[in-house]
Each structure stands twice: as structure tokens, then as C-alpha cells.
Amino acid sequence: MTPSALNKVIKFIKREVIYGKYIAGGKTYKVPLHKVEVEANNRLAIYLLADHKAAGTVTRAQLYDIEQDIWDDKTLNMVKTDIQGVLIKFAYEIKEV
């Protein structure tokens, strides 16, 4: 895949995936995407920030697309306090097979 094609795929995903939700301490939080970046080896990383408003164990995180459908869903077991933020990372390898 050329760098140009990779950039177009990433732009498409950035337009489609618009927010996330996570569950911490049994409560659901809706948050904007914190960061979307390209890592080494054509990996795309999408981050959510579980900020100081949430405390307890983060048990689930989801990404939602522009049509309000779940784009990705993951089970977690991350303990956080109300004085720290935690980054939740979704990572995808983009390659031709």
C-alpha cells in the first residue's frame, strides 16, 4: 500500500469513527476520540481518555461510527482512581494481504 493510499484509509476512518464509550466502576462514559495516529509498520491507533471523572475498574471500551453503530468493542480490566487519567488504545494493522 502506498503512503498516499494509507493516508486515505486513515482519513476515512477518522471521518467514520467519531466517539467512544467506556465503562468504569459500573458507569458508562461517552467521550470524544482523544487521539488518532499512525504508528510504525502502518498501525493505526485510536485512543480514548478515561479522565479524572471516572473511578473504578474500566471493564469495557467501545468505538462508535457516524451512524451510531459500534465500530469496535473490547473487554478490559484496568483499575483507575479519580485523580488519574488512563488512555485506552485500539490498534489496527493496515496492510495488503
N, C-alpha and C. Protein backbone atom coordinates (compact mmCIF):
# COMPACT_ATOMS: atom_id res chain seq x y z
N MET A 1 0.86 -1.17 0.00
CA MET A 1 0.00 0.00 0.00
C MET A 1 0.90 1.23 0.00
N THR A 2 0.61 2.16 -0.87
CA THR A 2 1.42 3.38 -0.94
C THR A 2 1.11 4.29 0.25
N PRO A 3 2.02 5.20 0.57
CA PRO A 3 1.74 6.16 1.64
C PRO A 3 0.47 6.97 1.38
N SER A 4 0.23 7.29 0.12
CA SER A 4 -0.97 8.04 -0.23
C SER A 4 -2.23 7.23 0.07
N ALA A 5 -2.22 5.96 -0.31
CA ALA A 5 -3.37 5.10 -0.04
C ALA A 5 -3.59 4.93 1.47
N LEU A 6 -2.51 4.75 2.21
CA LEU A 6 -2.62 4.61 3.66
C LEU A 6 -3.23 5.87 4.27
N ASN A 7 -2.79 7.04 3.82
CA ASN A 7 -3.35 8.29 4.33
C ASN A 7 -4.85 8.40 4.04
N LYS A 8 -5.27 7.93 2.88
CA LYS A 8 -6.69 7.96 2.53
C LYS A 8 -7.51 7.02 3.42
N VAL A 9 -6.98 5.85 3.70
CA VAL A 9 -7.66 4.91 4.60
C VAL A 9 -7.80 5.53 5.99
N ILE A 10 -6.75 6.16 6.46
CA ILE A 10 -6.77 6.78 7.79
C ILE A 10 -7.76 7.94 7.82
N LYS A 11 -7.77 8.76 6.78
CA LYS A 11 -8.74 9.87 6.71
C LYS A 11 -10.17 9.34 6.73
N PHE A 12 -10.40 8.24 6.02
CA PHE A 12 -11.72 7.64 6.00
C PHE A 12 -12.13 7.19 7.41
N ILE A 13 -11.23 6.52 8.10
CA ILE A 13 -11.54 6.04 9.46
C ILE A 13 -11.78 7.21 10.40
N LYS A 14 -11.00 8.27 10.28
CA LYS A 14 -11.19 9.45 11.13
C LYS A 14 -12.56 10.09 10.90
N ARG A 15 -13.05 10.04 9.65
CA ARG A 15 -14.38 10.59 9.37
C ARG A 15 -15.48 9.68 9.91
N GLU A 16 -15.25 8.38 9.90
CA GLU A 16 -16.28 7.42 10.28
C GLU A 16 -16.36 7.17 11.78
N VAL A 17 -15.23 7.01 12.44
CA VAL A 17 -15.21 6.72 13.88
C VAL A 17 -15.18 8.06 14.60
N ILE A 18 -16.25 8.37 15.37
CA ILE A 18 -16.38 9.73 15.86
C ILE A 18 -16.35 9.88 17.38
N TYR A 19 -16.60 8.82 18.14
CA TYR A 19 -16.54 8.92 19.60
C TYR A 19 -16.41 7.54 20.21
N GLY A 20 -16.22 7.52 21.51
CA GLY A 20 -16.11 6.25 22.21
C GLY A 20 -16.91 6.28 23.50
N LYS A 21 -17.05 5.10 24.07
CA LYS A 21 -17.66 4.95 25.39
C LYS A 21 -16.80 3.96 26.16
N TYR A 22 -16.76 4.15 27.46
CA TYR A 22 -16.11 3.17 28.31
C TYR A 22 -16.93 3.02 29.59
N ILE A 23 -16.78 1.88 30.21
CA ILE A 23 -17.47 1.60 31.47
C ILE A 23 -16.42 1.53 32.56
N ALA A 24 -16.58 2.37 33.58
CA ALA A 24 -15.67 2.38 34.74
C ALA A 24 -16.52 2.41 36.00
N GLY A 25 -16.24 1.50 36.92
CA GLY A 25 -17.00 1.46 38.16
C GLY A 25 -18.47 1.24 37.92
N GLY A 26 -18.83 0.54 36.84
CA GLY A 26 -20.22 0.25 36.54
C GLY A 26 -20.97 1.38 35.85
N LYS A 27 -20.33 2.50 35.61
CA LYS A 27 -20.97 3.65 34.96
C LYS A 27 -20.40 3.85 33.56
N THR A 28 -21.27 4.21 32.61
CA THR A 28 -20.85 4.41 31.22
C THR A 28 -20.54 5.89 30.97
N TYR A 29 -19.41 6.13 30.31
CA TYR A 29 -18.97 7.48 29.97
C TYR A 29 -18.81 7.58 28.46
N LYS A 30 -19.39 8.61 27.87
CA LYS A 30 -19.23 8.89 26.45
C LYS A 30 -18.15 9.96 26.31
N VAL A 31 -17.16 9.71 25.45
CA VAL A 31 -16.04 10.65 25.30
C VAL A 31 -15.68 10.82 23.83
N PRO A 32 -15.13 11.99 23.49
CA PRO A 32 -14.62 12.16 22.12
C PRO A 32 -13.34 11.34 21.96
N LEU A 33 -12.95 11.13 20.74
CA LEU A 33 -11.67 10.47 20.50
C LEU A 33 -10.57 11.37 21.03
N HIS A 34 -9.64 10.80 21.77
CA HIS A 34 -8.55 11.60 22.34
C HIS A 34 -7.47 11.85 21.30
N LYS A 35 -7.12 10.80 20.55
CA LYS A 35 -6.04 10.93 19.58
C LYS A 35 -6.17 9.79 18.57
N VAL A 36 -5.85 10.10 17.31
CA VAL A 36 -5.77 9.10 16.25
C VAL A 36 -4.43 9.31 15.58
N GLU A 37 -3.61 8.25 15.53
CA GLU A 37 -2.28 8.42 14.95
C GLU A 37 -1.82 7.16 14.23
N VAL A 38 -0.86 7.36 13.35
CA VAL A 38 -0.23 6.25 12.65
C VAL A 38 1.06 5.91 13.38
N GLU A 39 1.20 4.65 13.72
CA GLU A 39 2.42 4.17 14.38
C GLU A 39 3.28 3.45 13.35
N ALA A 40 4.39 2.93 13.81
CA ALA A 40 5.29 2.18 12.93
C ALA A 40 4.57 1.01 12.28
N ASN A 41 5.06 0.59 11.15
CA ASN A 41 4.53 -0.58 10.43
C ASN A 41 3.07 -0.43 10.04
N ASN A 42 2.67 0.78 9.69
CA ASN A 42 1.30 1.04 9.23
C ASN A 42 0.22 0.62 10.23
N ARG A 43 0.49 0.83 11.49
CA ARG A 43 -0.51 0.57 12.52
C ARG A 43 -1.25 1.87 12.82
N LEU A 44 -2.55 1.75 12.89
CA LEU A 44 -3.40 2.88 13.24
C LEU A 44 -3.80 2.72 14.69
N ALA A 45 -3.63 3.76 15.49
CA ALA A 45 -4.01 3.72 16.90
C ALA A 45 -5.07 4.78 17.17
N ILE A 46 -6.14 4.38 17.84
CA ILE A 46 -7.20 5.28 18.25
C ILE A 46 -7.26 5.22 19.77
N TYR A 47 -7.20 6.39 20.40
CA TYR A 47 -7.16 6.47 21.86
C TYR A 47 -8.41 7.14 22.42
N LEU A 48 -8.89 6.60 23.52
CA LEU A 48 -9.90 7.24 24.35
C LEU A 48 -9.23 7.61 25.66
N LEU A 49 -9.67 8.69 26.28
CA LEU A 49 -9.14 9.09 27.57
C LEU A 49 -10.20 8.90 28.64
N ALA A 50 -9.91 8.00 29.58
CA ALA A 50 -10.74 7.86 30.77
C ALA A 50 -10.16 8.85 31.77
N ASP A 51 -10.82 10.00 31.93
CA ASP A 51 -10.24 11.08 32.72
C ASP A 51 -10.58 10.97 34.20
N HIS A 52 -10.30 12.04 34.94
CA HIS A 52 -10.44 12.03 36.39
C HIS A 52 -11.90 11.91 36.86
N LYS A 53 -12.87 12.10 35.98
CA LYS A 53 -14.28 11.98 36.36
C LYS A 53 -14.65 10.55 36.71
N ALA A 54 -13.95 9.60 36.15
CA ALA A 54 -14.27 8.18 36.36
C ALA A 54 -13.32 7.56 37.36
N ALA A 55 -13.86 6.63 38.15
CA ALA A 55 -13.03 5.86 39.08
C ALA A 55 -13.55 4.43 39.09
N GLY A 56 -12.67 3.51 39.43
CA GLY A 56 -13.04 2.10 39.47
C GLY A 56 -12.38 1.35 38.35
N THR A 57 -12.80 0.13 38.16
CA THR A 57 -12.22 -0.71 37.13
C THR A 57 -12.89 -0.43 35.79
N VAL A 58 -12.06 -0.13 34.79
CA VAL A 58 -12.56 0.05 33.42
C VAL A 58 -12.71 -1.35 32.84
N THR A 59 -13.95 -1.72 32.55
CA THR A 59 -14.24 -3.09 32.13
C THR A 59 -14.55 -3.24 30.64
N ARG A 60 -14.88 -2.15 29.98
CA ARG A 60 -15.23 -2.23 28.57
C ARG A 60 -14.99 -0.89 27.90
N ALA A 61 -14.62 -0.95 26.62
CA ALA A 61 -14.48 0.26 25.81
C ALA A 61 -15.02 -0.04 24.42
N GLN A 62 -15.63 0.98 23.84
CA GLN A 62 -16.22 0.82 22.52
C GLN A 62 -15.95 2.07 21.68
N LEU A 63 -15.83 1.85 20.38
CA LEU A 63 -15.75 2.95 19.42
C LEU A 63 -17.05 2.95 18.63
N TYR A 64 -17.53 4.15 18.31
CA TYR A 64 -18.78 4.29 17.57
C TYR A 64 -18.54 5.06 16.28
N ASP A 65 -19.29 4.65 15.25
CA ASP A 65 -19.15 5.34 13.97
C ASP A 65 -20.21 6.42 13.81
N ILE A 66 -20.16 7.08 12.69
CA ILE A 66 -21.03 8.22 12.42
C ILE A 66 -22.51 7.85 12.41
N GLU A 67 -22.82 6.58 12.19
CA GLU A 67 -24.21 6.11 12.19
C GLU A 67 -24.64 5.59 13.56
N GLN A 68 -23.82 5.84 14.58
CA GLN A 68 -24.09 5.43 15.96
C GLN A 68 -24.00 3.92 16.17
N ASP A 69 -23.35 3.22 15.25
CA ASP A 69 -23.14 1.78 15.40
C ASP A 69 -21.80 1.54 16.08
N ILE A 70 -21.71 0.44 16.80
CA ILE A 70 -20.44 0.07 17.44
C ILE A 70 -19.47 -0.34 16.34
N TRP A 71 -18.32 0.31 16.32
CA TRP A 71 -17.29 0.03 15.34
C TRP A 71 -16.28 -0.97 15.87
N ASP A 72 -16.01 -0.91 17.17
CA ASP A 72 -15.14 -1.89 17.84
C ASP A 72 -15.53 -1.94 19.31
N ASP A 73 -15.25 -3.08 19.91
CA ASP A 73 -15.67 -3.33 21.29
C ASP A 73 -14.60 -4.20 21.94
N LYS A 74 -14.14 -3.80 23.12
CA LYS A 74 -13.14 -4.62 23.79
C LYS A 74 -13.43 -4.70 25.29
N THR A 75 -13.11 -5.84 25.85
CA THR A 75 -13.22 -6.06 27.29
C THR A 75 -11.88 -5.73 27.92
N LEU A 76 -11.93 -5.03 29.06
CA LEU A 76 -10.72 -4.58 29.74
C LEU A 76 -10.79 -4.93 31.22
N ASN A 77 -9.67 -4.76 31.88
CA ASN A 77 -9.59 -4.89 33.33
C ASN A 77 -8.51 -3.92 33.82
N MET A 78 -8.84 -2.61 33.75
CA MET A 78 -7.89 -1.56 34.10
C MET A 78 -8.42 -0.81 35.32
N VAL A 79 -7.67 -0.82 36.41
CA VAL A 79 -8.10 -0.11 37.61
C VAL A 79 -7.59 1.32 37.55
N LYS A 80 -8.48 2.28 37.83
CA LYS A 80 -8.07 3.68 37.84
C LYS A 80 -8.74 4.41 39.00
N THR A 81 -8.07 5.43 39.46
CA THR A 81 -8.60 6.26 40.53
C THR A 81 -9.19 7.53 39.94
N ASP A 82 -9.81 8.34 40.78
CA ASP A 82 -10.41 9.58 40.28
C ASP A 82 -9.40 10.72 40.16
N ILE A 83 -8.13 10.45 40.42
CA ILE A 83 -7.12 11.51 40.29
C ILE A 83 -6.18 11.30 39.11
N GLN A 84 -6.40 10.25 38.35
CA GLN A 84 -5.52 9.96 37.22
C GLN A 84 -6.36 9.74 35.97
N GLY A 85 -5.74 9.95 34.83
CA GLY A 85 -6.36 9.60 33.57
C GLY A 85 -5.72 8.33 33.03
N VAL A 86 -6.47 7.61 32.24
CA VAL A 86 -5.95 6.38 31.63
C VAL A 86 -6.29 6.41 30.15
N LEU A 87 -5.30 6.13 29.32
CA LEU A 87 -5.53 6.04 27.88
C LEU A 87 -5.95 4.62 27.53
N ILE A 88 -7.00 4.52 26.75
CA ILE A 88 -7.49 3.24 26.24
C ILE A 88 -7.14 3.21 24.76
N LYS A 89 -6.41 2.20 24.35
CA LYS A 89 -5.89 2.16 22.99
C LYS A 89 -6.55 1.04 22.18
N PHE A 90 -6.98 1.40 20.99
CA PHE A 90 -7.41 0.45 19.98
C PHE A 90 -6.36 0.52 18.87
N ALA A 91 -5.81 -0.60 18.45
CA ALA A 91 -4.75 -0.58 17.44
C ALA A 91 -5.10 -1.54 16.30
N TYR A 92 -4.80 -1.09 15.09
CA TYR A 92 -5.13 -1.86 13.88
C TYR A 92 -3.94 -1.84 12.94
N GLU A 93 -3.63 -2.97 12.39
CA GLU A 93 -2.57 -3.05 11.39
C GLU A 93 -3.21 -2.97 10.00
N ILE A 94 -2.76 -2.04 9.21
CA ILE A 94 -3.31 -1.86 7.88
C ILE A 94 -2.27 -2.35 6.88
N LYS A 95 -2.62 -3.41 6.16
CA LYS A 95 -1.68 -3.95 5.18
C LYS A 95 -2.41 -4.72 4.09
N GLU A 96 -1.74 -4.88 2.99
CA GLU A 96 -2.26 -5.67 1.90
C GLU A 96 -1.88 -7.13 2.15
N VAL A 97 -2.84 -8.04 1.96
CA VAL A 97 -2.54 -9.46 2.20
C VAL A 97 -2.71 -10.26 0.94
